Amino acid sequence: MRRTIPFLLFLMLLAPTAAIAAPANVEAGLSPESRFYWFDRMAERITLLFTLDTQDKSQALSKIGLERLAEAEEVESQETVGSLISDYLKNQRQADDLAGDDPDTLVGLNEDQAEALERLDGLIEQSRGEHEQLAVQAIATTARLLEKQAKKLEQAALSGSTNVAEKTARAIDKTMTRLKKLADKITKRSAASATISEKKTADELSEHVLSATAKHLAVLEGLLGKVSDSAKPAIEKALERSGKGREKAGEAVKRRGPNAEAGDDID
């Protein structure tokens, strides 16, 4: 016990730095199967406790959520995988709630959620049964969070400077590129599916991903006629790059229905 107290104090001193300096591509830390895993989780709680700025806390929560998915990729227990996916969703929702309208925070969350979709799709390929369905639901939720972030990014671009509009366009362009690659991967998996159930799951995932892509595309098209002339080249370039897959993305939104809005059914 005497050794534990100084260690916890040391973690408390490091906590605020850890929240702000989290890497863009999150890797798994200690395995949940390690007997020292609780140290890792305690350090996270201390980090969040001493991260007072809401934007910093939002980013920290998002990175912690990604770490849960990275850990899920490395464990064998399907029960543990399911628990880690649930923890990811909890952290990502909290991050979204705290994000506010800060452009840098929104850009970071958008990137994290695109990465989360890729990780979740990988988990689906290695999962079966109950926890496969949990991963499918997590993809649906993450895709809708992405759509919600796209709308927030649009508002930030319209109310901010030319630099904010350009940064928004680049971020959305980057996210759409990742989403289209993921949609292509899922489509190929659907074509190669051995069972009707596997094909149905792949088609459902593809629709969620393409719908998120379409919402990002719609934001770029909406910004083009509203931002200053100096910001238009960055948006036009992103739109030009997004030409491939535009029709598929539009069809995905139509299948969801005319009343589907970003953020629907997030819970």
C-alpha atoms as a PDB file:
ATOM      1  CA  MET A   1       0.000   0.000   0.000  1.00  0.00           C
ATOM      2  CA  ARG A   2       2.847   2.402   0.820  1.00  0.00           C
ATOM      3  CA  ARG A   3       4.296   1.810  -2.644  1.00  0.00           C
ATOM      4  CA  THR A   4       0.950   2.288  -4.347  1.00  0.00           C
ATOM      5  CA  ILE A   5       0.293   5.814  -3.020  1.00  0.00           C
ATOM      6  CA  PRO A   6       3.467   7.411  -4.494  1.00  0.00           C
ATOM      7  CA  PHE A   7       2.741   5.668  -7.795  1.00  0.00           C
ATOM      8  CA  LEU A   8      -0.769   7.106  -7.920  1.00  0.00           C
ATOM      9  CA  LEU A   9       0.574  10.572  -7.134  1.00  0.00           C
ATOM     10  CA  PHE A  10       3.032  10.173  -9.998  1.00  0.00           C
ATOM     11  CA  LEU A  11       0.162   9.278 -12.338  1.00  0.00           C
ATOM     12  CA  MET A  12      -1.761  12.344 -11.186  1.00  0.00           C
ATOM     13  CA  LEU A  13       1.158  14.581 -12.136  1.00  0.00           C
ATOM     14  CA  LEU A  14       1.355  13.038 -15.590  1.00  0.00           C
ATOM     15  CA  ALA A  15      -2.388  12.883 -16.208  1.00  0.00           C
ATOM     16  CA  PRO A  16      -3.078  16.310 -17.781  1.00  0.00           C
ATOM     17  CA  THR A  17      -0.153  15.920 -20.193  1.00  0.00           C
ATOM     18  CA  ALA A  18      -1.337  12.491 -21.259  1.00  0.00           C
ATOM     19  CA  ALA A  19      -4.742  13.816 -22.270  1.00  0.00           C
ATOM     20  CA  ILE A  20      -3.358  16.505 -24.555  1.00  0.00           C
ATOM     21  CA  ALA A  21      -0.450  14.548 -26.023  1.00  0.00           C
ATOM     22  CA  ALA A  22      -2.406  11.457 -27.067  1.00  0.00           C
ATOM     23  CA  PRO A  23      -1.182  10.176 -30.463  1.00  0.00           C
ATOM     24  CA  ALA A  24      -3.367  10.365 -33.579  1.00  0.00           C
ATOM     25  CA  ASN A  25      -3.152   6.610 -34.264  1.00  0.00           C
ATOM     26  CA  VAL A  26      -3.961   4.967 -30.962  1.00  0.00           C
ATOM     27  CA  GLU A  27      -2.321   1.657 -30.050  1.00  0.00           C
ATOM     28  CA  ALA A  28      -3.319  -0.806 -27.367  1.00  0.00           C
ATOM     29  CA  GLY A  29      -1.603  -0.399 -24.007  1.00  0.00           C
ATOM     30  CA  LEU A  30      -1.653  -3.140 -21.416  1.00  0.00           C
ATOM     31  CA  SER A  31      -3.803  -6.088 -22.393  1.00  0.00           C
ATOM     32  CA  PRO A  32      -7.090  -6.505 -20.493  1.00  0.00           C
ATOM     33  CA  GLU A  33      -5.823 -10.005 -19.747  1.00  0.00           C
ATOM     34  CA  SER A  34      -2.864  -8.565 -17.836  1.00  0.00           C
ATOM     35  CA  ARG A  35      -3.115  -8.485 -14.044  1.00  0.00           C
ATOM     36  CA  PHE A  36      -1.742  -4.915 -14.174  1.00  0.00           C
ATOM     37  CA  TYR A  37      -4.479  -3.703 -16.539  1.00  0.00           C
ATOM     38  CA  TRP A  38      -6.289  -1.905 -13.731  1.00  0.00           C
ATOM     39  CA  PHE A  39      -3.277   0.487 -13.462  1.00  0.00           C
ATOM     40  CA  ASP A  40      -3.902   1.527 -17.060  1.00  0.00           C
ATOM     41  CA  ARG A  41      -7.588   2.186 -16.450  1.00  0.00           C
ATOM     42  CA  MET A  42      -6.871   4.059 -13.220  1.00  0.00           C
ATOM     43  CA  ALA A  43      -4.391   6.304 -15.039  1.00  0.00           C
ATOM     44  CA  GLU A  44      -7.098   7.133 -17.568  1.00  0.00           C
ATOM     45  CA  ARG A  45      -9.573   8.066 -14.850  1.00  0.00           C
ATOM     46  CA  ILE A  46      -6.996  10.314 -13.195  1.00  0.00           C
ATOM     47  CA  THR A  47      -6.204  11.923 -16.554  1.00  0.00           C
ATOM     48  CA  LEU A  48      -9.861  12.749 -17.122  1.00  0.00           C
ATOM     49  CA  LEU A  49     -10.288  13.983 -13.552  1.00  0.00           C
ATOM     50  CA  PHE A  50      -7.488  16.543 -13.963  1.00  0.00           C
ATOM     51  CA  THR A  51      -8.369  17.534 -17.525  1.00  0.00           C
ATOM     52  CA  LEU A  52     -10.583  20.539 -16.858  1.00  0.00           C
ATOM     53  CA  ASP A  53     -10.864  21.998 -20.352  1.00  0.00           C
ATOM     54  CA  THR A  54     -13.903  20.440 -22.056  1.00  0.00           C
ATOM     55  CA  GLN A  55     -12.277  20.258 -25.506  1.00  0.00           C
ATOM     56  CA  ASP A  56      -9.188  18.545 -24.085  1.00  0.00           C
ATOM     57  CA  LYS A  57     -11.425  16.135 -22.185  1.00  0.00           C
ATOM     58  CA  SER A  58     -13.404  15.424 -25.350  1.00  0.00           C
ATOM     59  CA  GLN A  59     -10.226  14.543 -27.224  1.00  0.00           C
ATOM     60  CA  ALA A  60      -8.951  12.408 -24.338  1.00  0.00           C
ATOM     61  CA  LEU A  61     -12.225  10.455 -24.174  1.00  0.00           C
ATOM     62  CA  SER A  62     -12.136   9.851 -27.910  1.00  0.00           C
ATOM     63  CA  LYS A  63      -8.578   8.496 -27.755  1.00  0.00           C
ATOM     64  CA  ILE A  64      -9.476   6.288 -24.797  1.00  0.00           C
ATOM     65  CA  GLY A  65     -12.383   4.908 -26.822  1.00  0.00           C
ATOM     66  CA  LEU A  66     -10.027   4.056 -29.685  1.00  0.00           C
ATOM     67  CA  GLU A  67      -7.680   2.363 -27.230  1.00  0.00           C
ATOM     68  CA  ARG A  68     -10.526   0.078 -26.152  1.00  0.00           C
ATOM     69  CA  LEU A  69     -10.935  -1.045 -29.774  1.00  0.00           C
ATOM     70  CA  ALA A  70      -7.184  -1.543 -30.146  1.00  0.00           C
ATOM     71  CA  GLU A  71      -7.287  -3.751 -27.038  1.00  0.00           C
ATOM     72  CA  ALA A  72     -10.256  -5.679 -28.429  1.00  0.00           C
ATOM     73  CA  GLU A  73      -8.179  -6.584 -31.480  1.00  0.00           C
ATOM     74  CA  GLU A  74      -5.637  -8.349 -29.263  1.00  0.00           C
ATOM     75  CA  VAL A  75      -7.771 -10.417 -26.883  1.00  0.00           C
ATOM     76  CA  GLU A  76      -9.268 -13.843 -27.533  1.00  0.00           C
ATOM     77  CA  SER A  77     -12.230 -13.781 -25.145  1.00  0.00           C
ATOM     78  CA  GLN A  78     -15.350 -12.755 -27.068  1.00  0.00           C
ATOM     79  CA  GLU A  79     -16.938 -11.639 -23.808  1.00  0.00           C
ATOM     80  CA  THR A  80     -14.024  -9.239 -23.243  1.00  0.00           C
ATOM     81  CA  VAL A  81     -14.319  -8.001 -26.834  1.00  0.00           C
ATOM     82  CA  GLY A  82     -17.987  -7.192 -26.256  1.00  0.00           C
ATOM     83  CA  SER A  83     -17.191  -5.322 -23.047  1.00  0.00           C
ATOM     84  CA  LEU A  84     -14.449  -3.285 -24.754  1.00  0.00           C
ATOM     85  CA  ILE A  85     -16.754  -2.332 -27.644  1.00  0.00           C
ATOM     86  CA  SER A  86     -19.364  -1.145 -25.132  1.00  0.00           C
ATOM     87  CA  ASP A  87     -16.699   0.931 -23.345  1.00  0.00           C
ATOM     88  CA  TYR A  88     -15.665   2.432 -26.702  1.00  0.00           C
ATOM     89  CA  LEU A  89     -19.224   3.548 -27.415  1.00  0.00           C
ATOM     90  CA  LYS A  90     -19.610   5.075 -23.960  1.00  0.00           C
ATOM     91  CA  ASN A  91     -16.413   7.119 -24.340  1.00  0.00           C
ATOM     92  CA  GLN A  92     -17.193   8.198 -27.887  1.00  0.00           C
ATOM     93  CA  ARG A  93     -20.658   9.445 -26.964  1.00  0.00           C
ATOM     94  CA  GLN A  94     -19.240  11.424 -24.050  1.00  0.00           C
ATOM     95  CA  ALA A  95     -16.561  12.882 -26.333  1.00  0.00           C
ATOM     96  CA  ASP A  96     -19.226  13.945 -28.795  1.00  0.00           C
ATOM     97  CA  ASP A  97     -21.291  15.595 -26.047  1.00  0.00           C
ATOM     98  CA  LEU A  98     -18.300  17.639 -24.851  1.00  0.00           C
ATOM     99  CA  ALA A  99     -16.912  18.629 -28.251  1.00  0.00           C
ATOM    100  CA  GLY A 100     -18.870  21.862 -28.556  1.00  0.00           C
ATOM    101  CA  ASP A 101     -18.158  23.898 -31.693  1.00  0.00           C
ATOM    102  CA  ASP A 102     -14.355  24.066 -31.504  1.00  0.00           C
ATOM    103  CA  PRO A 103     -13.062  23.318 -35.049  1.00  0.00           C
ATOM    104  CA  ASP A 104      -9.865  21.565 -33.966  1.00  0.00           C
ATOM    105  CA  THR A 105     -11.749  19.284 -31.580  1.00  0.00           C
ATOM    106  CA  LEU A 106     -14.350  18.490 -34.237  1.00  0.00           C
ATOM    107  CA  VAL A 107     -11.672  17.659 -36.798  1.00  0.00           C
ATOM    108  CA  GLY A 108      -9.983  15.343 -34.299  1.00  0.00           C
ATOM    109  CA  LEU A 109     -13.215  13.531 -33.442  1.00  0.00           C
ATOM    110  CA  ASN A 110     -14.052  13.149 -37.120  1.00  0.00           C
ATOM    111  CA  GLU A 111     -10.694  11.468 -37.744  1.00  0.00           C
ATOM    112  CA  ASP A 112     -11.054   9.251 -34.672  1.00  0.00           C
ATOM    113  CA  GLN A 113     -14.515   8.074 -35.676  1.00  0.00           C
ATOM    114  CA  ALA A 114     -13.326   7.199 -39.179  1.00  0.00           C
ATOM    115  CA  GLU A 115     -10.507   5.162 -37.644  1.00  0.00           C
ATOM    116  CA  ALA A 116     -12.996   3.520 -35.267  1.00  0.00           C
ATOM    117  CA  LEU A 117     -15.091   2.336 -38.222  1.00  0.00           C
ATOM    118  CA  GLU A 118     -12.053   0.602 -39.701  1.00  0.00           C
ATOM    119  CA  ARG A 119     -11.190  -1.059 -36.397  1.00  0.00           C
ATOM    120  CA  LEU A 120     -14.786  -2.167 -35.813  1.00  0.00           C
ATOM    121  CA  ASP A 121     -14.971  -3.672 -39.282  1.00  0.00           C
ATOM    122  CA  GLY A 122     -11.830  -5.651 -38.500  1.00  0.00           C
ATOM    123  CA  LEU A 123     -13.415  -6.902 -35.283  1.00  0.00           C
ATOM    124  CA  ILE A 124     -16.482  -8.055 -37.205  1.00  0.00           C
ATOM    125  CA  GLU A 125     -14.282 -10.182 -39.441  1.00  0.00           C
ATOM    126  CA  GLN A 126     -12.852 -11.994 -36.399  1.00  0.00           C
ATOM    127  CA  SER A 127     -16.077 -12.171 -34.325  1.00  0.00           C
ATOM    128  CA  ARG A 128     -19.133 -14.366 -34.401  1.00  0.00           C
ATOM    129  CA  GLY A 129     -22.589 -14.474 -32.829  1.00  0.00           C
ATOM    130  CA  GLU A 130     -23.664 -11.995 -30.163  1.00  0.00           C
ATOM    131  CA  HIS A 131     -20.526  -9.843 -30.179  1.00  0.00           C
ATOM    132  CA  GLU A 132     -20.436  -9.679 -33.966  1.00  0.00           C
ATOM    133  CA  GLN A 133     -23.859  -8.039 -33.783  1.00  0.00           C
ATOM    134  CA  LEU A 134     -22.609  -5.650 -31.096  1.00  0.00           C
ATOM    135  CA  ALA A 135     -19.796  -4.576 -33.444  1.00  0.00           C
ATOM    136  CA  VAL A 136     -22.335  -4.089 -36.259  1.00  0.00           C
ATOM    137  CA  GLN A 137     -24.440  -1.870 -33.986  1.00  0.00           C
ATOM    138  CA  ALA A 138     -21.307   0.047 -32.973  1.00  0.00           C
ATOM    139  CA  ILE A 139     -20.560   0.728 -36.641  1.00  0.00           C
ATOM    140  CA  ALA A 140     -24.082   2.053 -37.142  1.00  0.00           C
ATOM    141  CA  THR A 141     -23.723   4.338 -34.109  1.00  0.00           C
ATOM    142  CA  THR A 142     -20.256   5.529 -35.155  1.00  0.00           C
ATOM    143  CA  ALA A 143     -21.423   6.261 -38.690  1.00  0.00           C
ATOM    144  CA  ARG A 144     -24.238   8.430 -37.316  1.00  0.00           C
ATOM    145  CA  LEU A 145     -21.816  10.199 -34.995  1.00  0.00           C
ATOM    146  CA  LEU A 146     -19.681  10.914 -38.057  1.00  0.00           C
ATOM    147  CA  GLU A 147     -22.680  12.429 -39.795  1.00  0.00           C
ATOM    148  CA  LYS A 148     -23.367  14.568 -36.742  1.00  0.00           C
ATOM    149  CA  GLN A 149     -19.738  15.733 -36.693  1.00  0.00           C
ATOM    150  CA  ALA A 150     -19.934  16.620 -40.385  1.00  0.00           C
ATOM    151  CA  LYS A 151     -22.846  18.941 -39.659  1.00  0.00           C
ATOM    152  CA  LYS A 152     -20.965  20.525 -36.763  1.00  0.00           C
ATOM    153  CA  LEU A 153     -17.916  21.007 -38.995  1.00  0.00           C
ATOM    154  CA  GLU A 154     -20.107  22.758 -41.559  1.00  0.00           C
ATOM    155  CA  GLN A 155     -21.364  25.191 -38.931  1.00  0.00           C
ATOM    156  CA  ALA A 156     -17.812  25.812 -37.688  1.00  0.00           C
ATOM    157  CA  ALA A 157     -16.614  26.506 -41.232  1.00  0.00           C
ATOM    158  CA  LEU A 158     -19.423  28.970 -41.915  1.00  0.00           C
ATOM    159  CA  SER A 159     -18.909  30.881 -38.690  1.00  0.00           C
ATOM    160  CA  GLY A 160     -15.113  30.813 -38.728  1.00  0.00           C
ATOM    161  CA  SER A 161     -12.290  32.271 -40.791  1.00  0.00           C
ATOM    162  CA  THR A 162     -11.046  31.233 -44.222  1.00  0.00           C
ATOM    163  CA  ASN A 163      -8.451  29.055 -42.519  1.00  0.00           C
ATOM    164  CA  VAL A 164     -11.177  27.221 -40.597  1.00  0.00           C
ATOM    165  CA  ALA A 165     -13.126  26.593 -43.820  1.00  0.00           C
ATOM    166  CA  GLU A 166     -10.013  25.251 -45.548  1.00  0.00           C
ATOM    167  CA  LYS A 167      -9.147  23.064 -42.557  1.00  0.00           C
ATOM    168  CA  THR A 168     -12.707  21.728 -42.522  1.00  0.00           C
ATOM    169  CA  ALA A 169     -12.568  20.883 -46.230  1.00  0.00           C
ATOM    170  CA  ARG A 170      -9.282  19.032 -45.833  1.00  0.00           C
ATOM    171  CA  ALA A 171     -10.578  17.101 -42.815  1.00  0.00           C
ATOM    172  CA  ILE A 172     -13.787  16.066 -44.570  1.00  0.00           C
ATOM    173  CA  ASP A 173     -11.841  15.116 -47.689  1.00  0.00           C
ATOM    174  CA  LYS A 174      -9.527  12.902 -45.618  1.00  0.00           C
ATOM    175  CA  THR A 175     -12.443  11.255 -43.831  1.00  0.00           C
ATOM    176  CA  MET A 176     -14.317  10.590 -47.081  1.00  0.00           C
ATOM    177  CA  THR A 177     -11.228   8.953 -48.585  1.00  0.00           C
ATOM    178  CA  ARG A 178     -11.039   6.546 -45.636  1.00  0.00           C
ATOM    179  CA  LEU A 179     -14.771   5.878 -45.736  1.00  0.00           C
ATOM    180  CA  LYS A 180     -14.746   5.082 -49.455  1.00  0.00           C
ATOM    181  CA  LYS A 181     -11.856   2.639 -49.038  1.00  0.00           C
ATOM    182  CA  LEU A 182     -13.735   0.951 -46.208  1.00  0.00           C
ATOM    183  CA  ALA A 183     -16.946   0.788 -48.276  1.00  0.00           C
ATOM    184  CA  ASP A 184     -15.031  -0.823 -51.153  1.00  0.00           C
ATOM    185  CA  LYS A 185     -13.540  -3.395 -48.788  1.00  0.00           C
ATOM    186  CA  ILE A 186     -16.939  -4.275 -47.334  1.00  0.00           C
ATOM    187  CA  THR A 187     -18.490  -4.497 -50.825  1.00  0.00           C
ATOM    188  CA  LYS A 188     -15.819  -6.994 -51.894  1.00  0.00           C
ATOM    189  CA  ARG A 189     -16.468  -9.013 -48.747  1.00  0.00           C
ATOM    190  CA  SER A 190     -20.181  -9.017 -49.530  1.00  0.00           C
ATOM    191  CA  ALA A 191     -19.527 -10.375 -53.017  1.00  0.00           C
ATOM    192  CA  ALA A 192     -17.345 -13.137 -51.588  1.00  0.00           C
ATOM    193  CA  SER A 193     -19.704 -14.039 -48.714  1.00  0.00           C
ATOM    194  CA  ALA A 194     -20.324 -17.740 -48.281  1.00  0.00           C
ATOM    195  CA  THR A 195     -23.706 -17.381 -46.573  1.00  0.00           C
ATOM    196  CA  ILE A 196     -26.775 -15.174 -46.895  1.00  0.00           C
ATOM    197  CA  SER A 197     -26.267 -13.966 -43.320  1.00  0.00           C
ATOM    198  CA  GLU A 198     -22.697 -12.808 -44.002  1.00  0.00           C
ATOM    199  CA  LYS A 199     -23.778 -11.018 -47.171  1.00  0.00           C
ATOM    200  CA  LYS A 200     -26.658  -9.297 -45.345  1.00  0.00           C
ATOM    201  CA  THR A 201     -24.295  -8.076 -42.607  1.00  0.00           C
ATOM    202  CA  ALA A 202     -21.780  -6.771 -45.152  1.00  0.00           C
ATOM    203  CA  ASP A 203     -24.494  -4.977 -47.145  1.00  0.00           C
ATOM    204  CA  GLU A 204     -25.831  -3.351 -43.979  1.00  0.00           C
ATOM    205  CA  LEU A 205     -22.356  -2.133 -43.011  1.00  0.00           C
ATOM    206  CA  SER A 206     -21.728  -0.784 -46.503  1.00  0.00           C
ATOM    207  CA  GLU A 207     -24.943   1.223 -46.353  1.00  0.00           C
ATOM    208  CA  HIS A 208     -23.984   2.844 -43.032  1.00  0.00           C
ATOM    209  CA  VAL A 209     -20.520   3.766 -44.294  1.00  0.00           C
ATOM    210  CA  LEU A 210     -21.786   5.145 -47.605  1.00  0.00           C
ATOM    211  CA  SER A 211     -24.467   7.145 -45.829  1.00  0.00           C
ATOM    212  CA  ALA A 212     -21.808   8.825 -43.665  1.00  0.00           C
ATOM    213  CA  THR A 213     -19.785   9.489 -46.828  1.00  0.00           C
ATOM    214  CA  ALA A 214     -22.786  11.119 -48.480  1.00  0.00           C
ATOM    215  CA  LYS A 215     -23.382  13.430 -45.515  1.00  0.00           C
ATOM    216  CA  HIS A 216     -19.766  14.613 -45.650  1.00  0.00           C
ATOM    217  CA  LEU A 217     -20.108  15.163 -49.386  1.00  0.00           C
ATOM    218  CA  ALA A 218     -23.284  17.181 -48.872  1.00  0.00           C
ATOM    219  CA  VAL A 219     -21.466  19.413 -46.377  1.00  0.00           C
ATOM    220  CA  LEU A 220     -18.738  20.185 -48.932  1.00  0.00           C
ATOM    221  CA  GLU A 221     -21.295  20.979 -51.611  1.00  0.00           C
ATOM    222  CA  GLY A 222     -23.194  23.215 -49.204  1.00  0.00           C
ATOM    223  CA  LEU A 223     -20.055  25.090 -48.179  1.00  0.00           C
ATOM    224  CA  LEU A 224     -18.986  25.817 -51.737  1.00  0.00           C
ATOM    225  CA  GLY A 225     -21.643  28.473 -52.280  1.00  0.00           C
ATOM    226  CA  LYS A 226     -21.345  30.048 -48.840  1.00  0.00           C
ATOM    227  CA  VAL A 227     -17.655  30.516 -48.031  1.00  0.00           C
ATOM    228  CA  SER A 228     -15.365  33.272 -49.240  1.00  0.00           C
ATOM    229  CA  ASP A 229     -13.663  32.984 -52.636  1.00  0.00           C
ATOM    230  CA  SER A 230     -10.297  32.356 -51.004  1.00  0.00           C
ATOM    231  CA  ALA A 231     -11.628  29.221 -49.283  1.00  0.00           C
ATOM    232  CA  LYS A 232     -13.304  27.751 -52.381  1.00  0.00           C
ATOM    233  CA  PRO A 233     -10.213  26.143 -54.015  1.00  0.00           C
ATOM    234  CA  ALA A 234      -9.722  23.754 -51.072  1.00  0.00           C
ATOM    235  CA  ILE A 235     -13.403  22.747 -51.175  1.00  0.00           C
ATOM    236  CA  GLU A 236     -13.415  22.353 -54.964  1.00  0.00           C
ATOM    237  CA  LYS A 237     -10.356  20.120 -54.761  1.00  0.00           C
ATOM    238  CA  ALA A 238     -12.036  17.948 -52.133  1.00  0.00           C
ATOM    239  CA  LEU A 239     -15.190  17.711 -54.245  1.00  0.00           C
ATOM    240  CA  GLU A 240     -13.167  16.744 -57.287  1.00  0.00           C
ATOM    241  CA  ARG A 241     -11.470  13.958 -55.335  1.00  0.00           C
ATOM    242  CA  SER A 242     -14.839  12.753 -54.066  1.00  0.00           C
ATOM    243  CA  GLY A 243     -16.300  12.212 -57.538  1.00  0.00           C
ATOM    244  CA  LYS A 244     -15.696   8.459 -57.415  1.00  0.00           C
ATOM    245  CA  GLY A 245     -18.353   6.796 -55.288  1.00  0.00           C
ATOM    246  CA  ARG A 246     -20.691   9.828 -55.277  1.00  0.00           C
ATOM    247  CA  GLU A 247     -23.569   7.851 -56.808  1.00  0.00           C
ATOM    248  CA  LYS A 248     -23.235   4.959 -54.343  1.00  0.00           C
ATOM    249  CA  ALA A 249     -23.208   7.341 -51.404  1.00  0.00           C
ATOM    250  CA  GLY A 250     -26.336   9.105 -52.657  1.00  0.00           C
ATOM    251  CA  GLU A 251     -28.161   5.818 -53.029  1.00  0.00           C
ATOM    252  CA  ALA A 252     -27.304   4.888 -49.445  1.00  0.00           C
ATOM    253  CA  VAL A 253     -28.940   8.053 -48.121  1.00  0.00           C
ATOM    254  CA  LYS A 254     -32.079   7.379 -50.198  1.00  0.00           C
ATOM    255  CA  ARG A 255     -32.344   3.875 -48.721  1.00  0.00           C
ATOM    256  CA  ARG A 256     -32.270   5.360 -45.218  1.00  0.00           C
ATOM    257  CA  GLY A 257     -35.238   7.496 -46.169  1.00  0.00           C
ATOM    258  CA  PRO A 258     -35.866  11.222 -46.765  1.00  0.00           C
ATOM    259  CA  ASN A 259     -36.363  11.950 -43.073  1.00  0.00           C
ATOM    260  CA  ALA A 260     -33.075  10.431 -41.904  1.00  0.00           C
ATOM    261  CA  GLU A 261     -30.968  13.015 -40.075  1.00  0.00           C
ATOM    262  CA  ALA A 262     -27.448  12.956 -38.749  1.00  0.00           C
ATOM    263  CA  GLY A 263     -27.441  11.696 -35.195  1.00  0.00           C
ATOM    264  CA  ASP A 264     -30.671   9.669 -35.504  1.00  0.00           C
ATOM    265  CA  ASP A 265     -30.833   6.579 -33.282  1.00  0.00           C
ATOM    266  CA  ILE A 266     -27.423   7.230 -31.750  1.00  0.00           C
ATOM    267  CA  ASP A 267     -28.503   5.516 -28.554  1.00  0.00           C
END
